[in-house]
Amino acid sequence: MERKQALTPWCILLTAGSVSFAVCLHLPVGLIRVNRISSNTAVIHDFCVLPTLQGQGLGRSILAAAVELLLAEPDLHIRLGVVTDNKQALKLYRSAGFAVTGEFLYYTGPVSALT
């Protein structure tokens, strides 16, 4: 089911399945994904806004719209995944009421080491 939700007078959030796109003046400007990990838990991740449009409140509007859709479901727990080095994102999430409750470590290395 596809849904449209106003973000600003000139932006909408288009949602289809687990992916939502922010569209302003008919141009895609951001993305936010929500996956269900159980019947009562959803995880927000892969949230981004074009760098040239960051710092203008668009990210806050997109996040608020996604959370509003999720909170329409009773007893739903919302989690959020973020790279903890992204200080600007952490500031947004904390100001929206999210708190850091755990941290996962990711490792990088050459793929050739697997063969």
N, C-alpha and C. Protein backbone atom coordinates (compact mmCIF):
# COMPACT_ATOMS: atom_id res chain seq x y z
N MET A 1 0.85 -1.17 0.00
CA MET A 1 0.00 0.00 0.00
C MET A 1 0.89 1.24 0.00
N GLU A 2 0.61 2.14 -0.88
CA GLU A 2 1.37 3.38 -0.96
C GLU A 2 0.64 4.47 -0.20
N ARG A 3 1.41 5.27 0.56
CA ARG A 3 0.84 6.39 1.31
C ARG A 3 1.60 7.66 0.97
N LYS A 4 0.90 8.78 1.02
CA LYS A 4 1.53 10.09 0.84
C LYS A 4 1.24 10.90 2.09
N GLN A 5 2.27 11.58 2.59
CA GLN A 5 2.12 12.38 3.79
C GLN A 5 2.86 13.69 3.59
N ALA A 6 2.22 14.81 3.89
CA ALA A 6 2.85 16.12 3.72
C ALA A 6 3.93 16.33 4.76
N LEU A 7 5.08 16.83 4.32
CA LEU A 7 6.17 17.21 5.22
C LEU A 7 6.22 18.72 5.39
N THR A 8 6.11 19.40 4.27
CA THR A 8 6.08 20.87 4.23
C THR A 8 5.11 21.20 3.08
N PRO A 9 4.82 22.46 2.87
CA PRO A 9 3.93 22.78 1.74
C PRO A 9 4.47 22.30 0.38
N TRP A 10 5.77 22.07 0.29
CA TRP A 10 6.36 21.68 -1.00
C TRP A 10 7.03 20.31 -0.98
N CYS A 11 6.89 19.57 0.14
CA CYS A 11 7.51 18.24 0.25
C CYS A 11 6.50 17.21 0.75
N ILE A 12 6.63 15.98 0.23
CA ILE A 12 5.80 14.87 0.70
C ILE A 12 6.69 13.67 1.00
N LEU A 13 6.17 12.78 1.83
CA LEU A 13 6.82 11.51 2.11
C LEU A 13 5.99 10.43 1.43
N LEU A 14 6.59 9.74 0.46
CA LEU A 14 5.93 8.66 -0.25
C LEU A 14 6.39 7.35 0.37
N THR A 15 5.44 6.55 0.85
CA THR A 15 5.78 5.31 1.51
C THR A 15 5.19 4.14 0.74
N ALA A 16 6.05 3.17 0.46
CA ALA A 16 5.62 1.92 -0.18
C ALA A 16 6.38 0.79 0.50
N GLY A 17 5.67 -0.04 1.22
CA GLY A 17 6.32 -1.12 1.94
C GLY A 17 7.21 -0.57 3.04
N SER A 18 8.47 -0.99 3.07
CA SER A 18 9.38 -0.59 4.14
C SER A 18 10.23 0.64 3.79
N VAL A 19 10.01 1.21 2.61
CA VAL A 19 10.84 2.33 2.17
C VAL A 19 9.99 3.57 1.96
N SER A 20 10.49 4.71 2.45
CA SER A 20 9.83 5.99 2.22
C SER A 20 10.83 6.93 1.56
N PHE A 21 10.34 7.68 0.58
CA PHE A 21 11.16 8.67 -0.11
C PHE A 21 10.60 10.05 0.18
N ALA A 22 11.48 10.98 0.52
CA ALA A 22 11.07 12.37 0.64
C ALA A 22 11.23 13.01 -0.72
N VAL A 23 10.17 13.67 -1.17
CA VAL A 23 10.17 14.29 -2.49
C VAL A 23 9.77 15.76 -2.33
N CYS A 24 10.62 16.63 -2.83
CA CYS A 24 10.35 18.07 -2.77
C CYS A 24 10.39 18.62 -4.19
N LEU A 25 9.33 19.30 -4.55
CA LEU A 25 9.23 19.88 -5.89
C LEU A 25 9.55 18.82 -6.96
N HIS A 26 9.02 17.61 -6.74
CA HIS A 26 9.13 16.48 -7.67
C HIS A 26 10.54 15.89 -7.77
N LEU A 27 11.43 16.26 -6.85
CA LEU A 27 12.79 15.71 -6.84
C LEU A 27 13.00 14.91 -5.57
N PRO A 28 13.59 13.70 -5.68
CA PRO A 28 13.88 12.93 -4.46
C PRO A 28 14.99 13.62 -3.67
N VAL A 29 14.76 13.79 -2.37
CA VAL A 29 15.74 14.50 -1.53
C VAL A 29 16.18 13.68 -0.32
N GLY A 30 15.51 12.57 -0.04
CA GLY A 30 15.87 11.78 1.12
C GLY A 30 15.23 10.41 1.08
N LEU A 31 15.67 9.57 2.01
CA LEU A 31 15.19 8.19 2.10
C LEU A 31 15.17 7.79 3.56
N ILE A 32 14.17 7.00 3.94
CA ILE A 32 14.13 6.41 5.28
C ILE A 32 13.51 5.03 5.14
N ARG A 33 14.13 4.04 5.77
CA ARG A 33 13.63 2.66 5.70
C ARG A 33 13.18 2.23 7.08
N VAL A 34 12.12 1.43 7.11
CA VAL A 34 11.60 0.87 8.35
C VAL A 34 11.39 -0.62 8.13
N ASN A 35 12.02 -1.43 8.96
CA ASN A 35 11.83 -2.87 8.90
C ASN A 35 11.19 -3.36 10.18
N ARG A 36 10.31 -4.33 10.05
CA ARG A 36 9.69 -4.98 11.20
C ARG A 36 10.55 -6.15 11.61
N ILE A 37 10.96 -6.20 12.88
CA ILE A 37 11.71 -7.36 13.34
C ILE A 37 10.83 -8.27 14.20
N SER A 38 9.65 -7.78 14.53
CA SER A 38 8.64 -8.59 15.21
C SER A 38 7.31 -7.88 15.02
N SER A 39 6.24 -8.48 15.52
CA SER A 39 4.91 -7.88 15.34
C SER A 39 4.77 -6.55 16.07
N ASN A 40 5.59 -6.32 17.11
CA ASN A 40 5.46 -5.07 17.85
C ASN A 40 6.74 -4.23 17.89
N THR A 41 7.70 -4.53 16.99
CA THR A 41 8.95 -3.76 16.96
C THR A 41 9.33 -3.40 15.53
N ALA A 42 9.59 -2.11 15.30
CA ALA A 42 10.04 -1.61 14.00
C ALA A 42 11.39 -0.93 14.18
N VAL A 43 12.25 -1.06 13.17
CA VAL A 43 13.57 -0.44 13.22
C VAL A 43 13.70 0.55 12.06
N ILE A 44 14.01 1.80 12.39
CA ILE A 44 14.28 2.83 11.39
C ILE A 44 15.78 2.77 11.08
N HIS A 45 16.11 2.74 9.79
CA HIS A 45 17.52 2.70 9.40
C HIS A 45 17.69 3.26 7.99
N ASP A 46 18.92 3.34 7.55
CA ASP A 46 19.23 3.86 6.21
C ASP A 46 18.54 5.19 5.94
N PHE A 47 18.56 6.07 6.92
CA PHE A 47 17.91 7.37 6.81
C PHE A 47 18.93 8.38 6.30
N CYS A 48 18.59 9.06 5.22
CA CYS A 48 19.52 10.04 4.67
C CYS A 48 18.77 11.19 3.99
N VAL A 49 19.43 12.32 3.95
CA VAL A 49 18.97 13.51 3.24
C VAL A 49 20.15 13.97 2.40
N LEU A 50 19.88 14.42 1.20
CA LEU A 50 20.97 14.92 0.35
C LEU A 50 21.82 15.93 1.12
N PRO A 51 23.14 15.80 1.03
CA PRO A 51 24.02 16.72 1.78
C PRO A 51 23.72 18.19 1.54
N THR A 52 23.36 18.56 0.32
CA THR A 52 23.11 19.97 0.01
C THR A 52 21.84 20.50 0.69
N LEU A 53 20.99 19.60 1.19
CA LEU A 53 19.74 20.01 1.83
C LEU A 53 19.74 19.76 3.33
N GLN A 54 20.85 19.28 3.87
CA GLN A 54 20.93 19.04 5.31
C GLN A 54 21.00 20.35 6.06
N GLY A 55 20.55 20.33 7.31
CA GLY A 55 20.60 21.52 8.16
C GLY A 55 19.45 22.48 7.96
N GLN A 56 18.43 22.07 7.20
CA GLN A 56 17.29 22.95 6.92
C GLN A 56 16.00 22.45 7.56
N GLY A 57 16.09 21.40 8.40
CA GLY A 57 14.90 20.88 9.07
C GLY A 57 14.17 19.79 8.31
N LEU A 58 14.64 19.48 7.12
CA LEU A 58 13.97 18.45 6.32
C LEU A 58 14.10 17.07 6.98
N GLY A 59 15.28 16.76 7.50
CA GLY A 59 15.48 15.48 8.18
C GLY A 59 14.54 15.32 9.36
N ARG A 60 14.38 16.37 10.13
CA ARG A 60 13.47 16.34 11.28
C ARG A 60 12.04 16.09 10.81
N SER A 61 11.64 16.72 9.72
CA SER A 61 10.28 16.53 9.19
C SER A 61 10.07 15.09 8.70
N ILE A 62 11.08 14.54 8.02
CA ILE A 62 10.98 13.17 7.53
C ILE A 62 10.89 12.20 8.70
N LEU A 63 11.76 12.37 9.69
CA LEU A 63 11.75 11.50 10.86
C LEU A 63 10.42 11.60 11.60
N ALA A 64 9.92 12.82 11.78
CA ALA A 64 8.64 13.01 12.48
C ALA A 64 7.49 12.33 11.74
N ALA A 65 7.49 12.42 10.41
CA ALA A 65 6.43 11.79 9.62
C ALA A 65 6.49 10.27 9.74
N ALA A 66 7.70 9.71 9.69
CA ALA A 66 7.85 8.26 9.81
C ALA A 66 7.42 7.78 11.20
N VAL A 67 7.84 8.50 12.23
CA VAL A 67 7.46 8.13 13.60
C VAL A 67 5.95 8.26 13.80
N GLU A 68 5.37 9.30 13.22
CA GLU A 68 3.91 9.48 13.33
C GLU A 68 3.16 8.29 12.73
N LEU A 69 3.61 7.83 11.57
CA LEU A 69 2.99 6.66 10.94
C LEU A 69 3.12 5.43 11.85
N LEU A 70 4.29 5.25 12.43
CA LEU A 70 4.52 4.08 13.28
C LEU A 70 3.71 4.16 14.58
N LEU A 71 3.63 5.34 15.17
CA LEU A 71 2.91 5.48 16.43
C LEU A 71 1.40 5.32 16.28
N ALA A 72 0.91 5.31 15.05
CA ALA A 72 -0.51 5.06 14.83
C ALA A 72 -0.87 3.61 15.17
N GLU A 73 0.14 2.77 15.29
CA GLU A 73 -0.08 1.37 15.66
C GLU A 73 0.11 1.23 17.17
N PRO A 74 -0.89 0.68 17.86
CA PRO A 74 -0.80 0.57 19.32
C PRO A 74 0.31 -0.39 19.75
N ASP A 75 0.97 -0.02 20.83
CA ASP A 75 2.00 -0.86 21.47
C ASP A 75 3.18 -1.20 20.56
N LEU A 76 3.49 -0.34 19.62
CA LEU A 76 4.63 -0.58 18.74
C LEU A 76 5.88 0.06 19.34
N HIS A 77 6.95 -0.70 19.41
CA HIS A 77 8.24 -0.20 19.89
C HIS A 77 9.06 0.22 18.67
N ILE A 78 9.68 1.39 18.76
CA ILE A 78 10.47 1.90 17.64
C ILE A 78 11.95 1.90 18.05
N ARG A 79 12.76 1.30 17.20
CA ARG A 79 14.22 1.34 17.37
C ARG A 79 14.80 2.10 16.19
N LEU A 80 16.02 2.56 16.35
CA LEU A 80 16.64 3.33 15.30
C LEU A 80 18.10 2.91 15.19
N GLY A 81 18.54 2.62 13.97
CA GLY A 81 19.93 2.28 13.74
C GLY A 81 20.66 3.47 13.14
N VAL A 82 21.85 3.77 13.67
CA VAL A 82 22.62 4.91 13.20
C VAL A 82 24.11 4.62 13.38
N VAL A 83 24.93 5.14 12.50
CA VAL A 83 26.37 5.07 12.67
C VAL A 83 26.73 6.09 13.74
N THR A 84 27.32 5.63 14.83
CA THR A 84 27.54 6.53 15.97
C THR A 84 28.59 7.61 15.72
N ASP A 85 29.32 7.50 14.62
CA ASP A 85 30.25 8.57 14.26
C ASP A 85 29.53 9.77 13.64
N ASN A 86 28.27 9.60 13.28
CA ASN A 86 27.50 10.65 12.63
C ASN A 86 26.89 11.56 13.71
N LYS A 87 27.67 12.51 14.16
CA LYS A 87 27.26 13.39 15.27
C LYS A 87 26.02 14.21 14.95
N GLN A 88 25.88 14.65 13.71
CA GLN A 88 24.71 15.44 13.32
C GLN A 88 23.44 14.60 13.43
N ALA A 89 23.51 13.33 13.00
CA ALA A 89 22.35 12.44 13.10
C ALA A 89 22.03 12.14 14.56
N LEU A 90 23.06 11.86 15.36
CA LEU A 90 22.83 11.58 16.79
C LEU A 90 22.15 12.76 17.48
N LYS A 91 22.55 13.97 17.13
CA LYS A 91 21.93 15.17 17.72
C LYS A 91 20.44 15.22 17.36
N LEU A 92 20.12 14.95 16.09
CA LEU A 92 18.72 14.93 15.66
C LEU A 92 17.93 13.89 16.43
N TYR A 93 18.46 12.67 16.48
CA TYR A 93 17.72 11.57 17.12
C TYR A 93 17.53 11.82 18.62
N ARG A 94 18.56 12.33 19.28
CA ARG A 94 18.43 12.63 20.70
C ARG A 94 17.40 13.73 20.93
N SER A 95 17.40 14.75 20.09
CA SER A 95 16.44 15.84 20.26
C SER A 95 15.01 15.39 19.97
N ALA A 96 14.87 14.28 19.22
CA ALA A 96 13.54 13.73 18.93
C ALA A 96 13.09 12.75 20.00
N GLY A 97 13.96 12.50 21.00
CA GLY A 97 13.57 11.63 22.11
C GLY A 97 14.19 10.24 22.09
N PHE A 98 15.00 9.93 21.09
CA PHE A 98 15.68 8.64 21.05
C PHE A 98 16.91 8.71 21.97
N ALA A 99 17.28 7.54 22.51
CA ALA A 99 18.46 7.45 23.38
C ALA A 99 19.31 6.27 22.93
N VAL A 100 20.61 6.39 23.11
CA VAL A 100 21.52 5.30 22.79
C VAL A 100 21.37 4.24 23.88
N THR A 101 21.02 3.02 23.47
CA THR A 101 20.86 1.93 24.43
C THR A 101 21.81 0.78 24.16
N GLY A 102 22.47 0.81 23.02
CA GLY A 102 23.42 -0.24 22.67
C GLY A 102 24.24 0.20 21.49
N GLU A 103 25.34 -0.49 21.30
CA GLU A 103 26.22 -0.14 20.19
C GLU A 103 26.78 -1.43 19.59
N PHE A 104 26.82 -1.47 18.27
CA PHE A 104 27.38 -2.61 17.55
C PHE A 104 28.68 -2.16 16.89
N LEU A 105 29.66 -3.01 16.88
CA LEU A 105 30.92 -2.71 16.22
C LEU A 105 30.94 -3.38 14.86
N TYR A 106 31.38 -2.65 13.85
CA TYR A 106 31.50 -3.18 12.51
C TYR A 106 32.97 -3.21 12.14
N TYR A 107 33.35 -4.21 11.39
CA TYR A 107 34.74 -4.38 11.03
C TYR A 107 34.88 -4.32 9.52
N THR A 108 35.99 -3.81 9.06
CA THR A 108 36.27 -3.79 7.63
C THR A 108 37.57 -4.52 7.37
N GLY A 109 37.69 -4.99 6.18
CA GLY A 109 38.92 -5.68 5.80
C GLY A 109 38.81 -6.10 4.35
N PRO A 110 39.90 -6.56 3.80
CA PRO A 110 39.89 -6.97 2.39
C PRO A 110 39.07 -8.25 2.21
N VAL A 111 38.25 -8.25 1.19
CA VAL A 111 37.45 -9.44 0.87
C VAL A 111 38.36 -10.60 0.50
N SER A 112 39.51 -10.30 -0.06
CA SER A 112 40.44 -11.36 -0.46
C SER A 112 40.88 -12.20 0.74
N ALA A 113 40.76 -11.68 1.95
CA ALA A 113 41.15 -12.43 3.13
C ALA A 113 40.22 -13.62 3.36
N LEU A 114 39.06 -13.62 2.72
CA LEU A 114 38.08 -14.70 2.89
C LEU A 114 38.35 -15.88 1.97
N THR A 115 39.18 -15.68 0.97
CA THR A 115 39.39 -16.76 -0.01
C THR A 115 40.68 -17.50 0.24
